[in-house]
Protein backbone atom coordinates (compact mmCIF):
# COMPACT_ATOMS: atom_id res chain seq x y z
CA MET A 1 -85.50 34.18 9.90
CA ASN A 2 -87.96 36.61 11.43
CA PRO A 3 -91.01 38.00 9.61
CA ILE A 4 -90.57 41.29 7.75
CA VAL A 5 -93.01 43.77 9.26
CA LEU A 6 -93.91 47.23 7.96
CA THR A 7 -96.12 49.25 10.30
CA ASN A 8 -97.51 52.54 8.99
CA TYR A 9 -94.19 52.86 7.16
CA THR A 10 -93.78 56.07 5.15
CA VAL A 11 -90.87 56.64 2.77
CA LYS A 12 -89.94 59.84 0.93
CA PHE A 13 -88.50 59.19 -2.54
CA SER A 14 -88.29 62.75 -3.86
CA LYS A 15 -89.51 66.28 -3.27
CA TYR A 16 -92.71 65.34 -5.08
CA TYR A 17 -93.39 61.76 -4.04
CA SER A 18 -93.69 59.71 -0.86
CA LEU A 19 -95.14 56.26 -0.26
CA PRO A 20 -97.45 56.73 2.72
CA ALA A 21 -98.25 54.56 5.75
CA VAL A 22 -97.82 51.01 4.43
CA SER A 23 -98.55 48.09 6.76
CA TRP A 24 -97.43 44.66 5.56
CA TRP A 25 -96.53 41.40 7.30
CA ILE A 26 -94.32 38.97 5.36
CA GLU A 27 -93.61 35.55 6.84
CA PRO A 28 -90.26 33.88 6.02
CA SER A 29 -91.97 31.04 4.14
CA GLN A 30 -93.89 33.40 1.85
CA HIS A 31 -93.01 34.56 -1.67
CA TRP A 32 -94.94 37.61 -2.87
CA VAL A 33 -95.75 39.27 -6.17
CA ILE A 34 -96.74 42.95 -6.11
CA LEU A 35 -99.40 43.88 -8.69
CA GLY A 36 -101.06 47.11 -9.76
CA ALA A 37 -101.35 49.66 -12.52
CA ASN A 38 -98.47 51.89 -13.61
CA GLY A 39 -98.06 54.67 -11.07
CA SER A 40 -99.84 52.71 -8.32
CA GLY A 41 -96.74 52.56 -6.12
CA LYS A 42 -95.81 48.90 -6.54
CA SER A 43 -92.18 49.61 -7.51
CA ALA A 44 -91.91 52.07 -4.63
CA LEU A 45 -93.20 49.42 -2.22
CA ALA A 46 -90.59 46.95 -3.41
CA ALA A 47 -87.89 49.64 -3.25
CA THR A 48 -88.55 50.24 0.46
CA LEU A 49 -87.31 46.69 1.12
CA TYR A 50 -83.88 47.35 -0.41
CA GLY A 51 -83.35 50.69 1.32
CA ALA A 52 -84.43 53.18 -1.35
CA GLY A 53 -85.88 56.47 -0.19
CA GLU A 54 -85.83 58.21 3.18
CA PRO A 55 -87.96 56.73 6.02
CA ILE A 56 -90.04 59.52 7.57
CA GLY A 57 -92.59 57.59 9.62
CA GLY A 58 -93.60 54.20 11.00
CA THR A 59 -91.36 51.18 11.37
CA LEU A 60 -89.74 48.47 9.26
CA CYS A 61 -88.18 45.51 11.02
CA GLY A 62 -87.12 41.95 10.28
CA LEU A 63 -85.14 42.59 7.09
CA PRO A 64 -82.40 39.97 6.67
CA THR A 65 -78.74 41.00 6.45
CA LYS A 66 -78.18 39.99 2.85
CA VAL A 67 -80.66 41.68 0.47
CA ALA A 68 -80.28 41.93 -3.34
CA ALA A 69 -82.45 43.74 -5.84
CA VAL A 70 -82.97 44.28 -9.59
CA SER A 71 -85.17 47.06 -11.01
CA PHE A 72 -85.46 49.50 -13.90
CA GLU A 73 -84.46 52.29 -11.50
CA ILE A 74 -81.28 50.47 -10.47
CA GLN A 75 -80.54 49.77 -14.14
CA ALA A 76 -81.08 53.41 -15.09
CA ALA A 77 -78.88 54.60 -12.20
CA LEU A 78 -76.08 52.26 -13.29
CA ILE A 79 -76.31 53.50 -16.88
CA GLU A 80 -76.33 57.12 -15.71
CA ALA A 81 -73.25 56.53 -13.55
CA GLU A 82 -71.41 54.96 -16.48
CA LEU A 83 -72.35 57.84 -18.78
CA LYS A 84 -70.95 60.37 -16.32
CA LYS A 85 -67.83 58.29 -15.77
CA ASP A 86 -67.08 57.94 -19.48
CA ASP A 87 -67.83 61.42 -20.81
CA ALA A 88 -64.82 62.03 -23.06
CA ASP A 89 -63.44 65.20 -24.61
CA ILE A 90 -62.04 63.34 -27.61
CA LEU A 91 -64.90 63.17 -30.06
CA ASP A 92 -63.45 60.40 -32.22
CA VAL A 93 -63.04 58.03 -29.24
CA ILE A 94 -66.09 55.99 -28.27
CA PRO A 95 -65.85 55.05 -24.56
CA GLU A 96 -66.71 51.43 -23.77
CA GLY A 97 -67.29 51.85 -20.04
CA THR A 98 -66.20 49.71 -17.09
CA PRO A 99 -65.25 46.14 -18.07
CA VAL A 100 -68.08 43.70 -17.40
CA ARG A 101 -65.75 41.35 -15.52
CA GLU A 102 -64.92 44.14 -13.05
CA MET A 103 -68.61 44.98 -12.52
CA LEU A 104 -69.34 41.36 -11.58
CA GLN A 105 -66.76 41.25 -8.78
CA LEU A 106 -68.74 41.63 -5.55
CA PRO A 107 -68.13 40.87 -1.85
CA GLU A 108 -69.88 37.79 -0.41
CA GLN A 109 -70.12 36.26 -3.86
CA ASP A 110 -70.73 32.54 -4.23
CA PRO A 111 -68.17 31.55 -6.93
CA ALA A 112 -70.00 28.36 -7.88
CA LEU A 113 -73.32 30.16 -8.20
CA LEU A 114 -71.69 32.99 -10.18
CA GLU A 115 -70.23 30.48 -12.64
CA ARG A 116 -73.58 28.77 -12.98
CA VAL A 117 -75.49 31.99 -13.65
CA LEU A 118 -72.87 33.14 -16.16
CA THR A 119 -73.35 29.88 -18.04
CA LEU A 120 -77.13 30.09 -17.71
CA PHE A 121 -77.20 33.50 -19.41
CA ASP A 122 -74.43 32.66 -21.93
CA TYR A 123 -72.45 35.55 -20.44
CA HIS A 124 -68.83 34.37 -20.48
CA ARG A 125 -68.44 35.83 -23.98
CA LEU A 126 -69.21 39.33 -22.62
CA LEU A 127 -66.86 39.39 -19.61
CA ASP A 128 -64.08 41.31 -21.36
CA GLN A 129 -66.46 43.75 -23.04
CA GLY A 130 -67.11 47.32 -21.89
CA PHE A 131 -70.40 47.99 -20.12
CA ARG A 132 -71.52 50.62 -22.63
CA LYS A 133 -71.33 48.11 -25.48
CA LEU A 134 -73.98 45.92 -23.87
CA SER A 135 -77.49 45.82 -25.28
CA THR A 136 -80.47 46.62 -23.02
CA GLY A 137 -81.15 42.94 -22.43
CA GLU A 138 -77.49 42.22 -21.71
CA THR A 139 -77.43 45.05 -19.15
CA ARG A 140 -80.50 43.54 -17.50
CA LYS A 141 -78.75 40.17 -17.31
CA LEU A 142 -75.71 41.79 -15.69
CA LEU A 143 -77.88 43.12 -12.86
CA LEU A 144 -79.51 39.72 -12.41
CA ILE A 145 -76.13 37.97 -12.29
CA ARG A 146 -74.88 40.42 -9.65
CA ALA A 147 -77.98 39.90 -7.49
CA LEU A 148 -78.17 36.13 -7.81
CA SER A 149 -74.46 35.43 -7.35
CA ILE A 150 -74.36 36.68 -3.75
CA LYS A 151 -77.04 34.11 -2.81
CA PRO A 152 -79.17 36.63 -0.86
CA ASP A 153 -81.56 35.84 1.96
CA LEU A 154 -84.08 38.23 0.37
CA LEU A 155 -84.25 38.79 -3.39
CA ILE A 156 -86.35 41.69 -4.72
CA LEU A 157 -87.02 41.59 -8.46
CA ASP A 158 -88.89 44.43 -10.19
CA GLU A 159 -89.92 43.16 -13.64
CA PRO A 160 -87.03 40.67 -13.88
CA PHE A 161 -88.21 39.13 -17.16
CA GLU A 162 -88.58 42.38 -19.10
CA GLY A 163 -85.98 42.85 -21.85
CA LEU A 164 -84.99 39.16 -21.82
CA ASP A 165 -85.44 36.76 -24.71
CA LYS A 166 -87.61 33.66 -24.33
CA GLU A 167 -84.78 31.27 -23.48
CA SER A 168 -83.35 33.58 -20.82
CA VAL A 169 -86.80 33.99 -19.23
CA ALA A 170 -87.21 30.22 -18.97
CA ASN A 171 -83.71 29.77 -17.52
CA LEU A 172 -84.22 32.52 -14.94
CA ASN A 173 -87.61 31.13 -13.94
CA ASN A 174 -86.12 27.67 -13.42
CA LEU A 175 -83.27 29.05 -11.31
CA LEU A 176 -85.60 31.14 -9.14
CA THR A 177 -87.78 28.09 -8.56
CA GLU A 178 -84.72 26.17 -7.41
CA LEU A 179 -83.58 28.99 -5.09
CA ALA A 180 -87.03 29.61 -3.60
CA PRO A 181 -86.74 27.06 -0.74
CA THR A 182 -83.73 28.94 0.71
CA THR A 183 -84.12 32.49 -0.65
CA GLN A 184 -87.22 34.57 0.03
CA ILE A 185 -88.38 36.24 -3.19
CA ILE A 186 -90.53 39.33 -3.68
CA MET A 187 -91.35 40.29 -7.27
CA VAL A 188 -93.03 43.16 -9.08
CA LEU A 189 -94.74 41.91 -12.24
CA ASN A 190 -97.12 43.40 -14.77
CA ARG A 191 -97.95 40.19 -16.61
CA PHE A 192 -100.05 37.54 -14.89
CA ASP A 193 -98.74 34.87 -17.24
CA GLU A 194 -95.22 35.45 -15.87
CA ILE A 195 -96.01 34.77 -12.20
CA PRO A 196 -93.90 31.76 -11.14
CA ASP A 197 -95.46 28.75 -9.47
CA PHE A 198 -93.54 29.30 -6.22
CA ILE A 199 -95.29 32.63 -5.53
CA THR A 200 -97.60 32.18 -2.53
CA HIS A 201 -99.18 35.64 -2.10
CA TYR A 202 -100.43 38.62 -4.14
CA ALA A 203 -100.12 42.23 -2.99
CA TYR A 204 -102.21 44.75 -4.93
CA MET A 205 -101.26 48.43 -4.99
CA GLU A 206 -103.63 51.24 -5.95
CA GLN A 207 -102.98 54.97 -5.57
CA ASP A 208 -99.93 54.31 -3.36
CA GLN A 209 -101.94 52.16 -0.98
CA LEU A 210 -101.54 48.45 -0.31
CA ARG A 211 -105.20 47.71 -0.93
CA HIS A 212 -105.24 43.90 -0.94
CA GLN A 213 -103.10 41.04 0.35
CA ILE A 214 -104.27 37.75 -1.14
CA VAL A 215 -103.26 34.15 -0.61
CA ARG A 216 -102.71 32.68 -4.05
CA ASP A 217 -104.46 29.43 -3.11
CA ASP A 218 -107.76 31.36 -2.80
CA PRO A 219 -108.90 31.02 -6.45
CA GLN A 220 -111.76 33.53 -6.25
CA ALA A 221 -109.70 36.25 -4.61
CA ALA A 222 -106.86 35.68 -7.10
CA ALA A 223 -109.29 35.94 -10.02
CA ASP A 224 -110.73 39.18 -8.60
CA ILE A 225 -107.26 40.75 -8.42
CA GLN A 226 -106.54 39.80 -12.03
CA ARG A 227 -109.89 41.21 -13.14
CA LEU A 228 -109.20 44.44 -11.25
CA VAL A 229 -105.95 44.99 -13.17
CA HIS A 230 -107.78 44.52 -16.47
CA LEU A 231 -110.66 46.90 -15.71
CA LYS A 232 -111.46 50.18 -17.43
CA THR A 233 -110.81 49.07 -21.02
CA SER A 234 -112.62 51.20 -23.54
CA ASP A 235 -113.04 51.83 -27.25
CA LEU A 236 -109.94 53.42 -28.68
CA THR A 237 -109.82 56.25 -31.17
CA ILE A 238 -106.68 57.75 -32.66
CA PRO A 239 -106.58 61.57 -32.63
CA ALA A 240 -106.21 63.03 -36.11
CA ALA A 241 -102.95 64.63 -37.25
CA PRO A 242 -102.80 68.20 -38.63
CA THR A 243 -102.09 68.36 -42.35
CA GLN A 244 -99.27 70.91 -41.96
CA HIS A 245 -97.07 68.28 -40.31
CA ARG A 246 -97.29 65.75 -43.12
CA PRO A 247 -93.95 65.16 -44.91
CA PRO A 248 -93.60 65.33 -48.72
CA ALA A 249 -95.56 62.65 -50.57
CA LEU A 250 -93.70 59.48 -51.55
CA ASN A 251 -93.85 57.53 -54.79
CA PRO A 252 -96.47 54.80 -54.10
CA GLU A 253 -94.66 52.45 -56.49
CA GLN A 254 -91.50 52.43 -54.37
CA PRO A 255 -90.97 50.49 -51.11
CA LEU A 256 -90.60 52.40 -47.85
CA VAL A 257 -87.40 50.51 -46.97
CA ARG A 258 -85.14 48.16 -48.91
CA LEU A 259 -81.90 46.60 -47.61
CA ARG A 260 -79.65 44.50 -49.85
CA LYS A 261 -77.00 42.19 -48.39
CA ALA A 262 -77.01 44.27 -45.19
CA CYS A 263 -74.21 43.53 -42.73
CA ILE A 264 -73.29 44.78 -39.26
CA ALA A 265 -69.88 43.78 -37.90
CA TYR A 266 -67.44 45.03 -35.25
CA ASP A 267 -63.84 43.95 -35.91
CA ASP A 268 -64.16 40.17 -36.28
CA LYS A 269 -67.63 39.94 -34.67
CA VAL A 270 -70.50 39.72 -37.17
CA ILE A 271 -73.92 40.65 -35.78
CA PHE A 272 -75.76 39.75 -39.00
CA SER A 273 -74.88 39.59 -42.69
CA ASP A 274 -76.39 39.09 -46.18
CA LEU A 275 -79.75 40.42 -45.04
CA ASP A 276 -82.18 41.24 -47.86
CA TRP A 277 -85.32 42.91 -46.54
CA THR A 278 -88.04 45.10 -48.07
CA ILE A 279 -90.86 46.94 -46.28
CA GLU A 280 -93.70 47.91 -48.59
CA ARG A 281 -96.26 50.58 -47.75
CA GLY A 282 -98.95 49.10 -45.47
CA GLN A 283 -96.89 45.92 -44.93
CA HIS A 284 -96.54 45.60 -41.16
CA TRP A 285 -93.60 43.65 -39.74
CA GLN A 286 -92.67 41.99 -36.46
CA VAL A 287 -88.93 41.52 -35.79
CA THR A 288 -87.80 38.98 -33.19
CA GLY A 289 -84.52 37.52 -31.96
CA PRO A 290 -82.51 36.88 -28.79
CA ASN A 291 -80.56 39.56 -26.93
CA GLY A 292 -77.56 40.67 -28.98
CA ALA A 293 -79.01 39.42 -32.28
CA GLY A 294 -78.88 42.90 -33.81
CA LYS A 295 -82.52 44.01 -33.67
CA THR A 296 -81.70 47.54 -32.51
CA CYS A 297 -78.77 47.73 -34.96
CA LEU A 298 -81.20 46.88 -37.77
CA LEU A 299 -83.56 49.64 -36.71
CA ASN A 300 -80.68 52.11 -36.50
CA LEU A 301 -79.72 51.31 -40.09
CA ILE A 302 -83.17 52.46 -41.15
CA THR A 303 -83.20 55.63 -39.03
CA GLY A 304 -79.63 56.57 -39.97
CA ASP A 305 -78.38 56.38 -36.38
CA HIS A 306 -75.88 53.58 -37.03
CA PRO A 307 -72.40 54.52 -38.36
CA GLN A 308 -72.43 51.54 -40.76
CA CYS A 309 -75.55 52.73 -42.60
CA TYR A 310 -73.28 54.37 -45.22
CA THR A 311 -71.40 51.14 -45.89
CA ASN A 312 -74.64 49.27 -46.65
CA ASP A 313 -77.01 49.31 -49.61
CA ILE A 314 -80.04 51.00 -48.03
CA PHE A 315 -83.02 52.64 -49.75
CA VAL A 316 -85.40 54.57 -47.48
CA PHE A 317 -88.37 56.79 -48.31
CA GLY A 318 -87.37 57.37 -51.92
CA MET A 319 -83.70 58.02 -51.09
CA GLN A 320 -80.60 55.88 -51.60
CA ARG A 321 -78.37 56.33 -48.55
CA GLY A 322 -75.09 58.07 -49.27
CA ASN A 323 -76.35 60.40 -52.00
CA GLY A 324 -76.35 63.61 -49.99
CA GLU A 325 -79.61 63.16 -48.11
CA SER A 326 -79.79 64.53 -44.54
CA ILE A 327 -80.83 62.49 -41.55
CA TRP A 328 -83.78 64.83 -41.02
CA GLN A 329 -85.07 64.11 -44.54
CA ILE A 330 -85.33 60.50 -43.42
CA LYS A 331 -86.62 61.01 -39.89
CA GLN A 332 -89.52 63.20 -40.99
CA TYR A 333 -91.21 59.98 -42.12
CA ILE A 334 -90.56 58.04 -38.89
CA GLY A 335 -92.12 57.75 -35.46
CA TYR A 336 -89.85 55.94 -32.99
CA VAL A 337 -90.17 54.50 -29.49
CA SER A 338 -87.43 52.66 -27.58
CA SER A 339 -85.88 52.27 -24.12
CA ALA A 340 -82.94 54.37 -25.29
CA LEU A 341 -85.27 57.24 -26.20
CA GLN A 342 -86.82 57.03 -22.74
CA TRP A 343 -83.41 57.25 -21.06
CA ASP A 344 -82.46 60.18 -23.31
CA TYR A 345 -85.68 62.07 -22.57
CA ARG A 346 -84.47 63.61 -19.30
CA VAL A 347 -85.34 67.26 -19.90
CA SER A 348 -87.60 69.19 -17.55
CA ILE A 349 -90.84 69.42 -19.51
CA THR A 350 -94.54 68.85 -18.83
CA VAL A 351 -96.31 65.68 -19.86
CA ARG A 352 -98.45 67.65 -22.35
CA ASN A 353 -95.42 69.29 -23.92
CA THR A 354 -93.65 65.95 -24.20
CA ILE A 355 -96.43 64.79 -26.51
CA ILE A 356 -96.42 68.09 -28.42
CA SER A 357 -92.65 67.75 -28.94
CA GLY A 358 -93.45 64.88 -31.30
CA PHE A 359 -94.66 67.43 -33.84
CA TYR A 360 -91.14 68.89 -33.90
CA ASP A 361 -89.07 65.68 -33.47
CA SER A 362 -87.29 67.24 -30.51
CA ILE A 363 -86.33 66.08 -27.03
CA GLY A 364 -87.90 69.00 -25.22
CA LEU A 365 -90.06 71.77 -26.68
CA TYR A 366 -88.32 74.95 -27.83
CA GLN A 367 -90.95 76.84 -29.83
CA LYS A 368 -94.51 78.01 -29.44
CA TYR A 369 -97.06 75.37 -30.35
CA THR A 370 -100.43 75.92 -31.96
CA GLU A 371 -103.83 75.56 -30.36
CA GLN A 372 -104.56 72.65 -32.66
CA GLU A 373 -101.41 70.86 -31.50
CA ARG A 374 -102.38 71.43 -27.86
CA GLN A 375 -105.86 69.99 -28.46
CA ILE A 376 -104.42 66.90 -30.13
CA ALA A 377 -102.08 66.40 -27.17
CA GLU A 378 -105.05 66.69 -24.80
CA LYS A 379 -106.87 63.96 -26.74
CA TRP A 380 -103.85 61.68 -26.42
CA LEU A 381 -103.69 62.36 -22.67
CA ALA A 382 -107.36 61.47 -22.31
CA LEU A 383 -106.79 58.27 -24.29
CA LEU A 384 -103.95 57.28 -21.96
CA GLY A 385 -105.84 58.24 -18.79
CA LEU A 386 -103.29 60.93 -17.93
CA SER A 387 -105.34 64.11 -18.40
CA GLU A 388 -104.99 65.10 -14.74
CA ARG A 389 -101.20 64.91 -15.02
CA ALA A 390 -100.86 67.11 -18.13
CA ASN A 391 -99.02 69.89 -16.26
CA GLU A 392 -96.75 67.64 -14.22
CA SER A 393 -93.14 67.06 -15.16
CA PHE A 394 -92.55 64.12 -17.49
CA ASN A 395 -89.81 62.99 -15.10
CA GLN A 396 -92.39 62.54 -12.32
CA LEU A 397 -94.18 59.80 -14.27
CA SER A 398 -93.56 56.14 -13.58
CA TYR A 399 -91.52 54.07 -16.03
CA GLY A 400 -94.63 52.65 -17.69
CA GLU A 401 -96.43 55.99 -17.88
CA LYS A 402 -93.42 57.51 -19.61
CA ARG A 403 -93.55 54.76 -22.23
CA LEU A 404 -97.22 55.45 -22.96
CA VAL A 405 -96.54 59.17 -23.37
CA LEU A 406 -93.62 58.52 -25.72
CA ILE A 407 -95.81 56.27 -27.89
CA ALA A 408 -98.33 59.11 -28.14
CA ARG A 409 -95.46 61.48 -28.98
CA ALA A 410 -94.38 59.17 -31.80
CA MET A 411 -97.88 58.98 -33.28
CA VAL A 412 -99.05 62.62 -33.17
CA LYS A 413 -98.08 63.19 -36.83
CA HIS A 414 -99.31 59.77 -38.02
CA PRO A 415 -95.82 58.90 -39.35
CA THR A 416 -95.33 56.93 -42.54
CA LEU A 417 -93.37 54.29 -40.58
CA LEU A 418 -93.86 53.71 -36.85
CA ILE A 419 -90.86 51.88 -35.35
CA LEU A 420 -91.51 50.27 -31.97
CA ASP A 421 -88.49 48.77 -30.21
CA GLU A 422 -90.05 46.73 -27.34
CA PRO A 423 -92.99 49.15 -26.87
CA CYS A 424 -94.53 47.09 -24.05
CA LEU A 425 -91.33 46.90 -22.00
CA GLY A 426 -92.22 47.68 -18.38
CA LEU A 427 -95.98 48.11 -18.88
CA ASP A 428 -98.61 46.53 -16.64
CA ASP A 429 -101.34 44.29 -18.03
CA LEU A 430 -103.91 47.05 -18.45
CA ASN A 431 -101.58 49.52 -20.15
CA ARG A 432 -100.01 46.76 -22.24
CA GLN A 433 -103.42 45.73 -23.54
CA LEU A 434 -104.20 49.39 -24.21
CA VAL A 435 -100.99 49.76 -26.24
CA LEU A 436 -101.56 46.52 -28.17
CA ALA A 437 -105.15 47.47 -28.99
CA LEU A 438 -103.96 50.89 -30.15
CA LEU A 439 -101.31 49.32 -32.37
CA GLU A 440 -103.91 46.99 -33.86
CA ARG A 441 -106.02 50.03 -34.77
CA ILE A 442 -102.96 51.65 -36.35
CA CYS A 443 -102.26 48.50 -38.38
CA VAL A 444 -105.83 48.02 -39.55
CA GLY A 445 -107.27 51.51 -39.74
CA SER A 446 -104.51 53.98 -40.60
CA GLU A 447 -101.97 54.66 -43.32
CA THR A 448 -99.04 54.22 -40.91
CA THR A 449 -96.87 51.15 -41.52
CA VAL A 450 -95.75 49.43 -38.31
CA LEU A 451 -92.36 47.87 -37.60
CA TYR A 452 -92.67 46.10 -34.25
CA VAL A 453 -89.80 44.55 -32.26
CA ASN A 454 -90.59 42.36 -29.26
CA HIS A 455 -89.77 39.18 -27.34
CA HIS A 456 -93.22 38.07 -26.11
CA ALA A 457 -95.19 35.78 -28.43
CA ASN A 458 -98.36 36.67 -26.48
CA ASP A 459 -97.95 40.28 -27.58
CA ALA A 460 -98.62 39.45 -31.23
CA ILE A 461 -100.66 42.18 -32.93
CA LYS A 462 -103.63 41.59 -35.18
CA GLY A 463 -102.79 42.96 -38.61
CA ILE A 464 -99.09 42.03 -38.56
CA GLU A 465 -98.54 39.14 -40.94
CA ASN A 466 -94.85 39.57 -41.83
CA TYR A 467 -92.07 38.30 -39.57
CA LEU A 468 -88.30 38.63 -39.53
CA ALA A 469 -86.34 36.49 -37.05
CA LEU A 470 -82.74 37.45 -36.30
CA GLY A 471 -80.29 35.13 -34.55
CA ARG A 472 -76.66 34.96 -33.51
């Protein structure tokens, strides 16, 4: 294999964004991890190596013939394509999407390796299922299986561990370590504790520039890069919420949420059953479990977004489900952040107005906001370090920046219950620590009760002392 060489290579990704003049020399024996803050250009740099964007300057040579990649952008594009494909006119028919088995049939596939990866990810049970019935983590695994099964010469992985449960992360790490002697690997990671042992070099991106290229065996240089990612931490304050957006007061003697013998099942497949669970005011919870264990289903029972919420015994915010209450009566007490919300939030709207839309529980902003609401949004932007991007389109933000903005959107009214479904998914170290510190302040110093779903044990939040573990 020849070295991969980028010389003043410039790539245009959209009308608004280009990655300018990157020079990078990658020897065949090297495995790289690309580091940097959200919006620094690290995902764009990785994307140039699998053909994304339009080259408009410089040169790129030495790429091997067989290249495979996994990224949030590829995942989002696949989901978008399936949504367009399965739009149905019959409202009472729920499309399931392309069969998983069909999506895993690729040219140049190594059958033995495919079988091994399917077993590694416990994926045989999903082969006859429709794509749109997969959970976020299961979709992520599908992309990984597709990429790994062709046994590429170059494997590009943008946040490959995000959205996977602990066992799947360990299995993937072990497999990558085994493949490293014959497959060159370039990764984008936000978490230093996830960098595999086989990685030989660090690339650090800042403001769309490849600022540093570090040999991992240089301990001082490696420590400096890690410190750079963690810089600029500051004291956090939560902007106050206007009183006019507070929902009706609740009876302090009643729990916020109570489920009795809750069950979610599809035909003969039971996700969970006989679940008794109560959330008291000020009682923060962390919910864990492997992919497909029903964590998102459980959250949707609370929010009223699951069709089986009316067949379960559910008490929420002073209301027994099924007694004529509206979904908006329930959602006025809830702030919510999830990957699904981020994919749904595709309207053309400024970053500032995205935060303001949280006051109206809308995807988009369709009414005139008050000066007070604008000022609160500005305080959130300053807290997130995004003040200079207030007038930009939300869709121009990076994946991680969008997540930060949606968390601010969920908190502008200081909701009674803040539901966070993998809130750190896709965030770099600095922004992840910012989010975790903010959530700790919410737990300790506000009246909002937190319901926190995650996979990473290291992301435990001070103030959360109640845990619910779901399993298959």
